[in-house]
C-alpha cells in the first residue's frame, strides 16, 4: 500500500469513496448525511495539498485530509486536550475507505501516515473527532493510541453536532 497526495483528476474516485462512506454512516450514526463533505470541500482539500490517498495496485482505496493548524471546532471542549490547541496541531478530517476494502487496515495506514506527516512538518499533536455512534472510527482512534479528550460540538449545521474528540501527542 502506498500513501500519497491525491490529484485533482482523481476527484471522481474520491467522491465514490465519500459516497460509499455516507451510505455506511447512514446505518451507523447519521454522520455525513446533510451534504457534507461535498465535492467542493474535497476539491479544496486537493488544491490545498491536504488530501492523501491510500493506493493498492494504483487503485485509490482510502482517503484522509491532513489539515495543519488551528480548528475552530476545537475551541470549546467538554473535557481537556492533552496539549494547548494551536497552530502546532494536525487535524485529521474526512477519513473514508472504499467499499470492498474494509477490514484491510487501510484506515490504520492513513492514521499512522498522519504521524509521519506531523513529524515531517514539526507538528506536536494530532487531533481527530468522530460521531458518538461511529464505533468503527472510535476503535480506529483508540487502537492507534489516541486519547479520548472529551466532547466537542462542530460548528457546521447538523442535526447532531456532538463529537468525541481524540488527541495523540507526537514526540
Protein backbone atom coordinates (compact mmCIF):
# COMPACT_ATOMS: atom_id res chain seq x y z
CA UNK A 1 0.00 0.00 0.00
CA UNK A 2 1.23 3.47 -0.88
CA UNK A 3 0.05 6.72 0.68
CA UNK A 4 0.47 9.94 -1.27
CA UNK A 5 -1.30 13.19 -2.12
CA UNK A 6 -4.44 12.85 -4.20
CA UNK A 7 -4.52 14.63 -7.56
CA UNK A 8 -7.41 16.74 -8.84
CA UNK A 9 -8.04 14.36 -11.75
CA UNK A 10 -8.92 11.70 -9.13
CA UNK A 11 -11.89 13.67 -7.77
CA UNK A 12 -14.45 11.19 -9.15
CA UNK A 13 -12.72 8.28 -7.40
CA UNK A 14 -12.62 10.40 -4.23
CA UNK A 15 -16.35 11.12 -4.46
CA UNK A 16 -17.09 7.41 -4.94
CA UNK A 17 -15.27 6.72 -1.68
CA UNK A 18 -17.15 9.55 0.06
CA UNK A 19 -20.48 8.22 -1.26
CA UNK A 20 -19.57 4.72 -0.02
CA UNK A 21 -18.78 6.19 3.40
CA UNK A 22 -22.01 8.19 3.50
CA UNK A 23 -24.02 5.01 2.85
CA UNK A 24 -22.19 3.18 5.62
CA UNK A 25 -22.53 6.08 8.06
CA UNK A 26 -26.26 6.35 7.37
CA UNK A 27 -26.60 2.92 9.00
CA UNK A 28 -24.15 3.61 11.83
CA UNK A 29 -24.53 7.14 13.06
CA UNK A 30 -26.24 9.63 10.80
CA UNK A 31 -22.89 11.41 10.31
CA UNK A 32 -22.25 12.96 6.85
CA UNK A 33 -25.93 12.85 5.88
CA UNK A 34 -26.59 16.55 5.36
CA UNK A 35 -24.50 17.44 2.32
CA UNK A 36 -21.08 17.26 3.96
CA UNK A 37 -18.49 16.51 2.81
CA UNK A 38 -19.25 17.67 -0.72
CA UNK A 39 -17.26 17.87 -3.93
CA UNK A 40 -16.21 21.48 -3.30
CA UNK A 41 -14.81 20.53 0.12
CA UNK A 42 -12.76 17.71 -1.39
CA UNK A 43 -11.55 19.84 -4.31
CA UNK A 44 -10.39 22.40 -1.74
CA UNK A 45 -8.57 19.67 0.18
CA UNK A 46 -6.80 18.57 -3.01
CA UNK A 47 -5.89 22.10 -4.12
CA UNK A 48 -4.51 22.88 -0.65
CA UNK A 49 -2.41 19.70 -0.69
CA UNK A 50 -4.31 18.30 2.31
CA UNK A 51 -5.97 15.21 0.81
CA UNK A 52 -3.97 12.00 0.97
CA UNK A 53 -4.93 8.66 -0.52
CA UNK A 54 -4.15 5.04 0.19
CA UNK A 55 -3.46 3.14 -3.02
CA UNK A 56 -3.35 -0.59 -3.66
CA UNK A 57 -2.08 -1.53 -7.12
CA UNK A 58 -2.73 2.06 -8.32
CA UNK A 59 -6.36 1.92 -7.09
CA UNK A 60 -7.43 4.65 -4.67
CA UNK A 61 -8.94 2.74 -1.74
CA UNK A 62 -8.99 5.28 1.10
CA UNK A 63 -8.63 8.99 1.81
CA UNK A 64 -7.91 11.34 4.68
CA UNK A 65 -7.44 15.10 4.89
CA UNK A 66 -4.46 16.21 6.99
CA UNK A 67 -5.07 19.84 7.92
CA UNK A 68 -2.34 21.80 9.71
CA UNK A 69 -3.15 24.41 12.30
CA UNK A 70 -5.99 25.71 14.40
CA UNK A 71 -9.53 24.32 14.07
CA UNK A 72 -12.39 26.50 15.40
CA UNK A 73 -14.48 23.40 16.18
CA UNK A 74 -11.90 22.57 18.85
CA UNK A 75 -12.10 25.92 20.68
CA UNK A 76 -14.50 24.57 23.29
CA UNK A 77 -14.25 21.05 24.68
CA UNK A 78 -16.18 19.38 27.45
CA UNK A 79 -13.04 17.76 28.79
CA UNK A 80 -9.40 18.67 28.29
CA UNK A 81 -6.98 18.45 25.39
CA UNK A 82 -3.59 16.84 26.07
CA UNK A 83 -1.95 19.95 24.61
CA UNK A 84 -2.98 23.52 24.01
CA UNK A 85 -4.99 23.79 20.80
CA UNK A 86 -2.91 25.87 18.39
CA UNK A 87 -1.05 26.09 15.08
CA UNK A 88 1.16 23.12 16.02
CA UNK A 89 -1.74 20.70 15.56
CA UNK A 90 -2.52 18.38 12.71
CA UNK A 91 -6.21 17.58 12.40
CA UNK A 92 -7.37 14.50 10.50
CA UNK A 93 -10.64 15.05 8.66
CA UNK A 94 -12.75 13.14 6.13
CA UNK A 95 -11.20 9.73 6.58
CA UNK A 96 -13.01 7.15 4.44
CA UNK A 97 -12.40 3.73 2.88
CA UNK A 98 -13.77 2.37 -0.39
CA UNK A 99 -16.43 -0.36 -0.23
CA UNK A 100 -14.83 -3.77 -0.57
CA UNK A 101 -11.66 -2.67 1.23
CA UNK A 102 -12.87 -2.52 4.82
CA UNK A 103 -11.07 -4.68 7.41
CA UNK A 104 -7.80 -4.40 5.48
CA UNK A 105 -6.15 -1.86 7.83
CA UNK A 106 -6.46 0.99 5.33
CA UNK A 107 -7.80 3.36 7.97
CA UNK A 108 -4.92 2.34 10.23
CA UNK A 109 -2.41 3.09 7.46
CA UNK A 110 -3.91 6.55 6.88
CA UNK A 111 -3.87 7.36 10.60
CA UNK A 112 -0.30 6.08 11.01
CA UNK A 113 0.86 8.08 7.99
CA UNK A 114 -0.53 11.20 9.67
CA UNK A 115 2.14 10.71 12.35
CA UNK A 116 4.89 10.68 9.70
CA UNK A 117 3.38 13.79 8.12
CA UNK A 118 3.15 15.53 11.51
CA UNK A 119 6.79 14.76 12.35
CA UNK A 120 7.95 15.91 8.91
CA UNK A 121 6.11 19.20 9.48
CA UNK A 122 7.28 19.69 13.10
CA UNK A 123 3.74 19.41 14.44
CA UNK A 124 3.35 18.36 18.07
CA UNK A 125 -0.14 16.89 18.20
CA UNK A 126 -2.72 15.11 16.05
CA UNK A 127 -6.40 15.65 16.76
CA UNK A 128 -9.41 13.90 15.30
CA UNK A 129 -13.10 13.73 16.12
CA UNK A 130 -15.98 11.43 15.30
CA UNK A 131 -19.69 10.98 15.94
CA UNK A 132 -20.56 9.32 19.24
CA UNK A 133 -22.27 6.47 17.35
CA UNK A 134 -19.40 5.87 14.91
CA UNK A 135 -17.90 2.92 16.78
CA UNK A 136 -15.54 1.79 13.97
CA UNK A 137 -13.88 5.23 13.90
CA UNK A 138 -13.69 5.34 17.69
CA UNK A 139 -11.94 1.96 17.67
CA UNK A 140 -9.56 3.14 14.94
CA UNK A 141 -8.56 6.07 17.14
CA UNK A 142 -8.20 4.05 20.33
CA UNK A 143 -6.30 1.20 18.65
CA UNK A 144 -3.81 3.72 17.25
CA UNK A 145 -3.04 5.29 20.62
CA UNK A 146 -5.35 8.31 20.54
CA UNK A 147 -6.74 9.50 23.86
CA UNK A 148 -10.40 10.42 24.35
CA UNK A 149 -10.19 14.06 25.48
CA UNK A 150 -13.90 14.85 25.71
CA UNK A 151 -16.79 16.19 23.65
CA UNK A 152 -16.72 18.96 21.06
CA UNK A 153 -19.57 20.44 19.04
CA UNK A 154 -18.92 21.07 15.35
CA UNK A 155 -19.97 24.47 14.07
CA UNK A 156 -21.26 23.13 10.74
CA UNK A 157 -25.06 22.82 10.78
CA UNK A 158 -26.01 19.21 11.52
CA UNK A 159 -28.80 17.57 13.47
CA UNK A 160 -26.28 16.12 15.91
CA UNK A 161 -23.10 18.25 16.16
CA UNK A 162 -21.77 16.34 19.20
CA UNK A 163 -18.43 14.57 18.57
CA UNK A 164 -15.89 12.65 20.60
CA UNK A 165 -12.51 14.38 20.36
CA UNK A 166 -9.24 12.45 20.40
CA UNK A 167 -5.63 13.54 20.53
CA UNK A 168 -2.21 11.94 20.22
CA UNK A 169 0.99 13.76 21.10
CA UNK A 170 3.86 13.45 18.65
CA UNK A 171 7.39 13.34 20.00
